[in-house]
Amino acid sequence: MRKLLLILLAPLLMGGVGFAAGRLLFPREASASQKASAATQREAMLYKMPLGRFTIQVLQPDRILYVQIEMDVLIAGATNFERLGDAEGRARLRDATISAASDLAETMLWVTPGQEDGLDQQALADQIALKVHNSYPSVRSAQIDSFVTHATPRRN
């Protein structure tokens, strides 16, 4: 009798254990709202795109200031990053960034000798990103990796 009871209860017991283990080991399908929130989070992420190094010439009354900047921009969304990540998109973004930095260089006439190294680099990067954001709305921020200045006397 015990053997018969053991033979009948063992498969029922193992079936219950297998069912419980299956629920723990295999995750359920994500609901539509969970999938939408995951897609929203993916689009809200910022992706760093290095633009490389470029030099800007700032003409001042008595000297010429060369500012060499190595810069990265932060782009919102994976689709925007992929769209701008090809060679043509990156070149256009780099050109827009250089144009914005050149426009800002015209306002740097007030920088007196010796103050170049004391410039607020993050504020400069934010101003550049704001100007680029007008043409490329997916650009959220920028960061300057390297900032080097060199001044030469101006010859008339």
N, C-alpha and C. Protein backbone atom coordinates (compact mmCIF):
# COMPACT_ATOMS: atom_id res chain seq x y z
N MET A 1 0.81 -1.18 0.00
CA MET A 1 0.00 0.00 0.00
C MET A 1 0.86 1.26 0.00
N ARG A 2 1.93 1.23 0.76
CA ARG A 2 2.83 2.38 0.80
C ARG A 2 3.47 2.61 -0.56
N LYS A 3 3.83 1.53 -1.24
CA LYS A 3 4.46 1.67 -2.54
C LYS A 3 3.47 2.28 -3.53
N LEU A 4 2.23 1.88 -3.50
CA LEU A 4 1.22 2.42 -4.39
C LEU A 4 0.98 3.91 -4.11
N LEU A 5 0.93 4.27 -2.84
CA LEU A 5 0.76 5.66 -2.46
C LEU A 5 1.97 6.49 -2.90
N LEU A 6 3.16 5.96 -2.76
CA LEU A 6 4.39 6.64 -3.17
C LEU A 6 4.43 6.80 -4.69
N ILE A 7 3.98 5.79 -5.41
CA ILE A 7 3.98 5.85 -6.87
C ILE A 7 2.97 6.91 -7.36
N LEU A 8 1.87 7.09 -6.69
CA LEU A 8 0.87 8.08 -7.10
C LEU A 8 1.23 9.50 -6.66
N LEU A 9 1.79 9.64 -5.48
CA LEU A 9 2.10 10.98 -4.96
C LEU A 9 3.39 11.56 -5.54
N ALA A 10 4.35 10.76 -5.88
CA ALA A 10 5.64 11.24 -6.40
C ALA A 10 5.45 12.06 -7.68
N PRO A 11 4.69 11.56 -8.71
CA PRO A 11 4.53 12.40 -9.91
C PRO A 11 3.75 13.69 -9.64
N LEU A 12 2.75 13.63 -8.74
CA LEU A 12 2.01 14.84 -8.42
C LEU A 12 2.90 15.87 -7.72
N LEU A 13 3.70 15.39 -6.80
CA LEU A 13 4.62 16.27 -6.08
C LEU A 13 5.67 16.86 -7.01
N MET A 14 6.24 16.05 -7.88
CA MET A 14 7.25 16.54 -8.82
C MET A 14 6.64 17.49 -9.85
N GLY A 15 5.41 17.25 -10.25
CA GLY A 15 4.73 18.17 -11.16
C GLY A 15 4.57 19.55 -10.55
N GLY A 16 4.19 19.59 -9.28
CA GLY A 16 4.05 20.88 -8.58
C GLY A 16 5.38 21.59 -8.44
N VAL A 17 6.44 20.84 -8.12
CA VAL A 17 7.78 21.43 -7.99
C VAL A 17 8.24 21.96 -9.35
N GLY A 18 8.00 21.20 -10.42
CA GLY A 18 8.40 21.65 -11.77
C GLY A 18 7.65 22.90 -12.20
N PHE A 19 6.35 22.96 -11.89
CA PHE A 19 5.56 24.14 -12.23
C PHE A 19 6.08 25.38 -11.50
N ALA A 20 6.36 25.23 -10.22
CA ALA A 20 6.87 26.36 -9.43
C ALA A 20 8.25 26.79 -9.92
N ALA A 21 9.10 25.84 -10.25
CA ALA A 21 10.44 26.17 -10.74
C ALA A 21 10.36 26.86 -12.10
N GLY A 22 9.43 26.43 -12.93
CA GLY A 22 9.26 27.06 -14.24
C GLY A 22 8.83 28.51 -14.12
N ARG A 23 7.97 28.82 -13.17
CA ARG A 23 7.53 30.20 -12.97
C ARG A 23 8.70 31.08 -12.49
N LEU A 24 9.59 30.51 -11.71
CA LEU A 24 10.73 31.28 -11.21
C LEU A 24 11.83 31.43 -12.25
N LEU A 25 12.08 30.38 -13.03
CA LEU A 25 13.21 30.41 -13.96
C LEU A 25 12.92 31.15 -15.25
N PHE A 26 11.71 31.09 -15.76
CA PHE A 26 11.37 31.73 -17.02
C PHE A 26 10.55 32.99 -16.75
N PRO A 27 11.09 34.17 -17.11
CA PRO A 27 10.34 35.40 -16.85
C PRO A 27 9.11 35.48 -17.75
N ARG A 28 8.14 36.20 -17.26
CA ARG A 28 6.92 36.40 -18.03
C ARG A 28 7.17 37.41 -19.13
N GLU A 29 6.30 37.42 -20.11
CA GLU A 29 6.37 38.42 -21.18
C GLU A 29 6.10 39.80 -20.59
N ALA A 30 6.86 40.78 -21.06
CA ALA A 30 6.65 42.14 -20.57
C ALA A 30 5.35 42.69 -21.16
N SER A 31 4.66 43.44 -20.36
CA SER A 31 3.42 44.04 -20.84
C SER A 31 3.73 45.18 -21.79
N ALA A 32 2.73 45.68 -22.48
CA ALA A 32 2.92 46.76 -23.45
C ALA A 32 3.42 48.03 -22.77
N SER A 33 2.93 48.30 -21.57
CA SER A 33 3.38 49.51 -20.87
C SER A 33 4.83 49.38 -20.43
N GLN A 34 5.25 48.16 -20.04
CA GLN A 34 6.64 47.97 -19.66
C GLN A 34 7.55 48.09 -20.88
N LYS A 35 7.09 47.59 -22.03
CA LYS A 35 7.88 47.73 -23.25
C LYS A 35 7.97 49.18 -23.66
N ALA A 36 6.89 49.93 -23.53
CA ALA A 36 6.89 51.35 -23.88
C ALA A 36 7.81 52.15 -22.96
N SER A 37 7.80 51.82 -21.66
CA SER A 37 8.67 52.54 -20.74
C SER A 37 10.13 52.21 -21.01
N ALA A 38 10.43 50.97 -21.41
CA ALA A 38 11.80 50.61 -21.76
C ALA A 38 12.26 51.37 -23.00
N ALA A 39 11.36 51.51 -23.98
CA ALA A 39 11.70 52.27 -25.18
C ALA A 39 11.88 53.75 -24.85
N THR A 40 11.07 54.27 -23.96
CA THR A 40 11.19 55.67 -23.55
C THR A 40 12.51 55.90 -22.82
N GLN A 41 12.89 54.97 -21.97
CA GLN A 41 14.16 55.10 -21.26
C GLN A 41 15.32 55.03 -22.24
N ARG A 42 15.21 54.19 -23.26
CA ARG A 42 16.28 54.07 -24.26
C ARG A 42 16.41 55.38 -25.03
N GLU A 43 15.28 56.02 -25.33
CA GLU A 43 15.32 57.28 -26.06
C GLU A 43 15.74 58.44 -25.17
N ALA A 44 15.58 58.30 -23.87
CA ALA A 44 15.95 59.38 -22.95
C ALA A 44 17.43 59.33 -22.58
N MET A 45 18.12 58.25 -22.91
CA MET A 45 19.54 58.13 -22.59
C MET A 45 20.35 59.09 -23.46
N LEU A 46 21.46 59.55 -22.91
CA LEU A 46 22.36 60.42 -23.64
C LEU A 46 23.54 59.59 -24.14
N TYR A 47 23.87 59.78 -25.40
CA TYR A 47 24.97 59.06 -26.02
C TYR A 47 26.07 60.05 -26.38
N LYS A 48 27.30 59.71 -26.03
CA LYS A 48 28.44 60.60 -26.25
C LYS A 48 29.02 60.38 -27.63
N MET A 49 29.13 61.48 -28.39
CA MET A 49 29.74 61.43 -29.72
C MET A 49 30.95 62.34 -29.73
N PRO A 50 32.15 61.78 -29.84
CA PRO A 50 33.34 62.62 -29.91
C PRO A 50 33.42 63.33 -31.27
N LEU A 51 33.72 64.61 -31.24
CA LEU A 51 33.83 65.39 -32.46
C LEU A 51 35.26 65.65 -32.87
N GLY A 52 36.18 65.35 -32.00
CA GLY A 52 37.59 65.55 -32.33
C GLY A 52 38.11 66.91 -31.89
N ARG A 53 39.26 67.25 -32.43
CA ARG A 53 39.96 68.47 -32.04
C ARG A 53 39.86 69.50 -33.16
N PHE A 54 39.61 70.74 -32.80
CA PHE A 54 39.59 71.81 -33.78
C PHE A 54 40.16 73.07 -33.14
N THR A 55 40.66 73.97 -34.01
CA THR A 55 41.31 75.19 -33.57
C THR A 55 40.51 76.39 -34.04
N ILE A 56 40.34 77.34 -33.14
CA ILE A 56 39.61 78.57 -33.42
C ILE A 56 40.57 79.73 -33.26
N GLN A 57 40.52 80.65 -34.20
CA GLN A 57 41.37 81.82 -34.16
C GLN A 57 40.56 83.01 -33.66
N VAL A 58 41.03 83.65 -32.58
CA VAL A 58 40.36 84.81 -32.02
C VAL A 58 41.24 86.02 -32.26
N LEU A 59 40.75 86.94 -33.08
CA LEU A 59 41.52 88.15 -33.38
C LEU A 59 41.24 89.19 -32.31
N GLN A 60 42.30 89.66 -31.68
CA GLN A 60 42.21 90.70 -30.68
C GLN A 60 43.03 91.90 -31.16
N PRO A 61 42.85 93.06 -30.55
CA PRO A 61 43.53 94.26 -31.07
C PRO A 61 45.06 94.13 -31.14
N ASP A 62 45.68 93.52 -30.15
CA ASP A 62 47.14 93.47 -30.14
C ASP A 62 47.72 92.06 -30.30
N ARG A 63 46.87 91.07 -30.40
CA ARG A 63 47.37 89.69 -30.52
C ARG A 63 46.33 88.80 -31.18
N ILE A 64 46.78 87.61 -31.55
CA ILE A 64 45.90 86.58 -32.09
C ILE A 64 45.92 85.42 -31.10
N LEU A 65 44.76 85.02 -30.66
CA LEU A 65 44.63 83.93 -29.70
C LEU A 65 44.12 82.70 -30.44
N TYR A 66 44.88 81.62 -30.33
CA TYR A 66 44.46 80.35 -30.93
C TYR A 66 43.94 79.46 -29.80
N VAL A 67 42.73 79.00 -29.95
CA VAL A 67 42.11 78.15 -28.95
C VAL A 67 41.89 76.78 -29.58
N GLN A 68 42.53 75.78 -29.01
CA GLN A 68 42.38 74.41 -29.51
C GLN A 68 41.47 73.65 -28.54
N ILE A 69 40.38 73.13 -29.09
CA ILE A 69 39.37 72.46 -28.28
C ILE A 69 39.16 71.04 -28.78
N GLU A 70 39.15 70.10 -27.86
CA GLU A 70 38.71 68.73 -28.17
C GLU A 70 37.41 68.54 -27.42
N MET A 71 36.36 68.15 -28.15
CA MET A 71 35.02 68.24 -27.59
C MET A 71 34.18 67.02 -27.93
N ASP A 72 33.26 66.70 -27.02
CA ASP A 72 32.25 65.66 -27.23
C ASP A 72 30.88 66.30 -27.06
N VAL A 73 29.90 65.80 -27.81
CA VAL A 73 28.52 66.25 -27.60
C VAL A 73 27.71 65.06 -27.12
N LEU A 74 26.69 65.34 -26.32
CA LEU A 74 25.80 64.31 -25.80
C LEU A 74 24.48 64.40 -26.54
N ILE A 75 24.09 63.29 -27.17
CA ILE A 75 22.91 63.24 -28.02
C ILE A 75 21.85 62.40 -27.34
N ALA A 76 20.62 62.91 -27.32
CA ALA A 76 19.51 62.20 -26.70
C ALA A 76 18.92 61.21 -27.69
N GLY A 77 18.81 59.97 -27.25
CA GLY A 77 18.12 58.95 -28.03
C GLY A 77 19.04 58.15 -28.93
N ALA A 78 18.79 56.85 -28.94
CA ALA A 78 19.60 55.95 -29.75
C ALA A 78 19.35 56.16 -31.24
N THR A 79 18.12 56.45 -31.62
CA THR A 79 17.84 56.65 -33.04
C THR A 79 18.51 57.91 -33.57
N ASN A 80 18.52 58.96 -32.77
CA ASN A 80 19.21 60.19 -33.18
C ASN A 80 20.71 59.96 -33.26
N PHE A 81 21.24 59.20 -32.31
CA PHE A 81 22.68 58.90 -32.32
C PHE A 81 23.04 58.08 -33.55
N GLU A 82 22.21 57.12 -33.90
CA GLU A 82 22.48 56.31 -35.09
C GLU A 82 22.36 57.15 -36.36
N ARG A 83 21.41 58.06 -36.39
CA ARG A 83 21.22 58.92 -37.56
C ARG A 83 22.41 59.85 -37.74
N LEU A 84 22.92 60.39 -36.65
CA LEU A 84 24.06 61.31 -36.73
C LEU A 84 25.40 60.59 -36.66
N GLY A 85 25.39 59.30 -36.42
CA GLY A 85 26.63 58.56 -36.22
C GLY A 85 27.37 58.20 -37.49
N ASP A 86 26.71 58.30 -38.65
CA ASP A 86 27.42 57.97 -39.88
C ASP A 86 28.37 59.12 -40.23
N ALA A 87 29.17 58.93 -41.26
CA ALA A 87 30.21 59.91 -41.60
C ALA A 87 29.62 61.27 -41.98
N GLU A 88 28.55 61.26 -42.74
CA GLU A 88 27.96 62.53 -43.18
C GLU A 88 27.31 63.28 -42.02
N GLY A 89 26.58 62.57 -41.18
CA GLY A 89 25.94 63.20 -40.03
C GLY A 89 26.95 63.75 -39.04
N ARG A 90 28.01 62.99 -38.80
CA ARG A 90 29.05 63.45 -37.88
C ARG A 90 29.76 64.68 -38.43
N ALA A 91 30.01 64.71 -39.75
CA ALA A 91 30.68 65.86 -40.37
C ALA A 91 29.80 67.11 -40.28
N ARG A 92 28.49 66.94 -40.51
CA ARG A 92 27.60 68.10 -40.40
C ARG A 92 27.51 68.61 -38.97
N LEU A 93 27.46 67.69 -38.03
CA LEU A 93 27.42 68.08 -36.62
C LEU A 93 28.71 68.76 -36.20
N ARG A 94 29.83 68.26 -36.69
CA ARG A 94 31.13 68.88 -36.38
C ARG A 94 31.19 70.28 -36.99
N ASP A 95 30.73 70.44 -38.23
CA ASP A 95 30.73 71.76 -38.86
C ASP A 95 29.85 72.74 -38.10
N ALA A 96 28.69 72.27 -37.65
CA ALA A 96 27.81 73.15 -36.87
C ALA A 96 28.45 73.54 -35.55
N THR A 97 29.17 72.62 -34.94
CA THR A 97 29.85 72.91 -33.67
C THR A 97 30.98 73.90 -33.88
N ILE A 98 31.75 73.73 -34.93
CA ILE A 98 32.84 74.67 -35.22
C ILE A 98 32.28 76.05 -35.53
N SER A 99 31.18 76.09 -36.26
CA SER A 99 30.54 77.38 -36.57
C SER A 99 30.06 78.07 -35.29
N ALA A 100 29.46 77.30 -34.38
CA ALA A 100 28.98 77.88 -33.12
C ALA A 100 30.16 78.37 -32.28
N ALA A 101 31.24 77.59 -32.25
CA ALA A 101 32.41 78.00 -31.48
C ALA A 101 33.05 79.23 -32.09
N SER A 102 33.06 79.33 -33.41
CA SER A 102 33.62 80.51 -34.08
C SER A 102 32.79 81.75 -33.78
N ASP A 103 31.48 81.59 -33.75
CA ASP A 103 30.62 82.73 -33.38
C ASP A 103 30.90 83.19 -31.96
N LEU A 104 31.12 82.24 -31.07
CA LEU A 104 31.45 82.60 -29.70
C LEU A 104 32.84 83.22 -29.60
N ALA A 105 33.73 82.83 -30.50
CA ALA A 105 35.09 83.38 -30.46
C ALA A 105 35.09 84.88 -30.75
N GLU A 106 34.13 85.32 -31.55
CA GLU A 106 34.03 86.75 -31.83
C GLU A 106 33.67 87.54 -30.58
N THR A 107 33.01 86.91 -29.63
CA THR A 107 32.65 87.60 -28.39
C THR A 107 33.74 87.46 -27.34
N MET A 108 34.82 86.75 -27.66
CA MET A 108 35.90 86.55 -26.69
C MET A 108 36.94 87.65 -26.75
N LEU A 109 36.61 88.78 -27.39
CA LEU A 109 37.56 89.87 -27.48
C LEU A 109 37.89 90.45 -26.12
N TRP A 110 37.02 90.27 -25.15
CA TRP A 110 37.23 90.83 -23.83
C TRP A 110 38.23 90.04 -23.00
N VAL A 111 38.66 88.88 -23.47
CA VAL A 111 39.61 88.06 -22.71
C VAL A 111 40.96 88.75 -22.74
N THR A 112 41.43 89.12 -21.57
CA THR A 112 42.72 89.79 -21.47
C THR A 112 43.83 88.76 -21.35
N PRO A 113 45.06 89.16 -21.67
CA PRO A 113 46.17 88.21 -21.58
C PRO A 113 46.28 87.60 -20.18
N GLY A 114 46.46 86.31 -20.14
CA GLY A 114 46.58 85.59 -18.88
C GLY A 114 45.28 85.01 -18.36
N GLN A 115 44.14 85.44 -18.89
CA GLN A 115 42.85 84.93 -18.42
C GLN A 115 42.34 83.74 -19.23
N GLU A 116 43.06 83.37 -20.27
CA GLU A 116 42.58 82.28 -21.12
C GLU A 116 42.43 80.97 -20.36
N ASP A 117 43.39 80.69 -19.49
CA ASP A 117 43.35 79.43 -18.75
C ASP A 117 42.29 79.43 -17.66
N GLY A 118 41.82 80.60 -17.27
CA GLY A 118 40.81 80.71 -16.22
C GLY A 118 39.38 80.72 -16.75
N LEU A 119 39.20 80.54 -18.05
CA LEU A 119 37.84 80.53 -18.61
C LEU A 119 37.05 79.34 -18.07
N ASP A 120 35.79 79.56 -17.85
CA ASP A 120 34.91 78.49 -17.40
C ASP A 120 34.59 77.59 -18.60
N GLN A 121 35.25 76.45 -18.67
CA GLN A 121 35.13 75.58 -19.83
C GLN A 121 33.74 74.96 -19.94
N GLN A 122 33.12 74.64 -18.82
CA GLN A 122 31.78 74.05 -18.88
C GLN A 122 30.76 75.07 -19.36
N ALA A 123 30.91 76.33 -18.95
CA ALA A 123 30.00 77.37 -19.44
C ALA A 123 30.19 77.58 -20.94
N LEU A 124 31.43 77.52 -21.41
CA LEU A 124 31.71 77.64 -22.83
C LEU A 124 31.10 76.47 -23.60
N ALA A 125 31.24 75.25 -23.06
CA ALA A 125 30.66 74.06 -23.69
C ALA A 125 29.13 74.16 -23.72
N ASP A 126 28.54 74.68 -22.65
CA ASP A 126 27.08 74.83 -22.61
C ASP A 126 26.60 75.84 -23.65
N GLN A 127 27.35 76.94 -23.82
CA GLN A 127 26.97 77.93 -24.82
C GLN A 127 27.07 77.36 -26.23
N ILE A 128 28.10 76.58 -26.49
CA ILE A 128 28.26 75.94 -27.79
C ILE A 128 27.12 74.95 -28.02
N ALA A 129 26.81 74.14 -27.01
CA ALA A 129 25.72 73.16 -27.14
C ALA A 129 24.38 73.84 -27.37
N LEU A 130 24.17 74.98 -26.74
CA LEU A 130 22.91 75.72 -26.93
C LEU A 130 22.78 76.22 -28.37
N LYS A 131 23.89 76.71 -28.93
CA LYS A 131 23.85 77.17 -30.32
C LYS A 131 23.65 76.00 -31.28
N VAL A 132 24.29 74.87 -31.01
CA VAL A 132 24.15 73.70 -31.89
C VAL A 132 22.75 73.10 -31.75
N HIS A 133 22.16 73.23 -30.57
CA HIS A 133 20.82 72.68 -30.32
C HIS A 133 19.77 73.33 -31.23
N ASN A 134 19.99 74.56 -31.65
CA ASN A 134 19.05 75.22 -32.57
C ASN A 134 18.98 74.48 -33.90
N SER A 135 20.11 73.97 -34.39
CA SER A 135 20.12 73.23 -35.66
C SER A 135 19.88 71.74 -35.47
N TYR A 136 20.36 71.20 -34.37
CA TYR A 136 20.22 69.77 -34.07
C TYR A 136 19.55 69.63 -32.70
N PRO A 137 18.23 69.50 -32.66
CA PRO A 137 17.51 69.45 -31.38
C PRO A 137 17.87 68.26 -30.50
N SER A 138 18.47 67.22 -31.06
CA SER A 138 18.82 66.06 -30.25
C SER A 138 20.09 66.28 -29.43
N VAL A 139 20.85 67.34 -29.73
CA VAL A 139 22.05 67.66 -28.95
C VAL A 139 21.60 68.29 -27.64
N ARG A 140 21.95 67.64 -26.54
CA ARG A 140 21.53 68.11 -25.22
C ARG A 140 22.62 68.86 -24.47
N SER A 141 23.85 68.39 -24.62
CA SER A 141 24.93 68.98 -23.84
C SER A 141 26.24 68.74 -24.57
N ALA A 142 27.29 69.35 -24.06
CA ALA A 142 28.62 69.16 -24.62
C ALA A 142 29.62 69.16 -23.47
N GLN A 143 30.74 68.55 -23.71
CA GLN A 143 31.82 68.59 -22.72
C GLN A 143 33.13 68.78 -23.45
N ILE A 144 33.98 69.60 -22.85
CA ILE A 144 35.29 69.88 -23.42
C ILE A 144 36.29 68.95 -22.76
N ASP A 145 36.96 68.15 -23.59
CA ASP A 145 37.96 67.22 -23.07
C ASP A 145 39.33 67.87 -22.95
N SER A 146 39.65 68.73 -23.90
CA SER A 146 40.94 69.40 -23.90
C SER A 146 40.74 70.85 -24.34
N PHE A 147 41.39 71.76 -23.64
CA PHE A 147 41.27 73.19 -23.93
C PHE A 147 42.66 73.80 -23.80
N VAL A 148 43.26 74.16 -24.94
CA VAL A 148 44.62 74.69 -24.96
C VAL A 148 44.59 76.02 -25.71
N THR A 149 45.26 77.04 -25.15
CA THR A 149 45.32 78.34 -25.80
C THR A 149 46.78 78.69 -26.09
N HIS A 150 46.95 79.46 -27.15
CA HIS A 150 48.27 79.94 -27.53
C HIS A 150 48.09 81.31 -28.17
N ALA A 151 48.81 82.29 -27.67
CA ALA A 151 48.70 83.66 -28.19
C ALA A 151 49.96 84.05 -28.93
N THR A 152 49.77 84.77 -30.02
CA THR A 152 50.89 85.32 -30.77
C THR A 152 50.64 86.80 -30.97
N PRO A 153 51.70 87.61 -31.03
CA PRO A 153 51.50 89.04 -31.25
C PRO A 153 50.94 89.28 -32.67
N ARG A 154 50.12 90.28 -32.75
CA ARG A 154 49.48 90.61 -34.03
C ARG A 154 50.36 91.60 -34.78
N ARG A 155 50.60 91.29 -36.04
CA ARG A 155 51.42 92.18 -36.86
C ARG A 155 50.50 92.90 -37.82
N ASN A 156 50.64 94.18 -37.89
CA ASN A 156 49.81 94.99 -38.78
C ASN A 156 50.48 95.27 -40.08
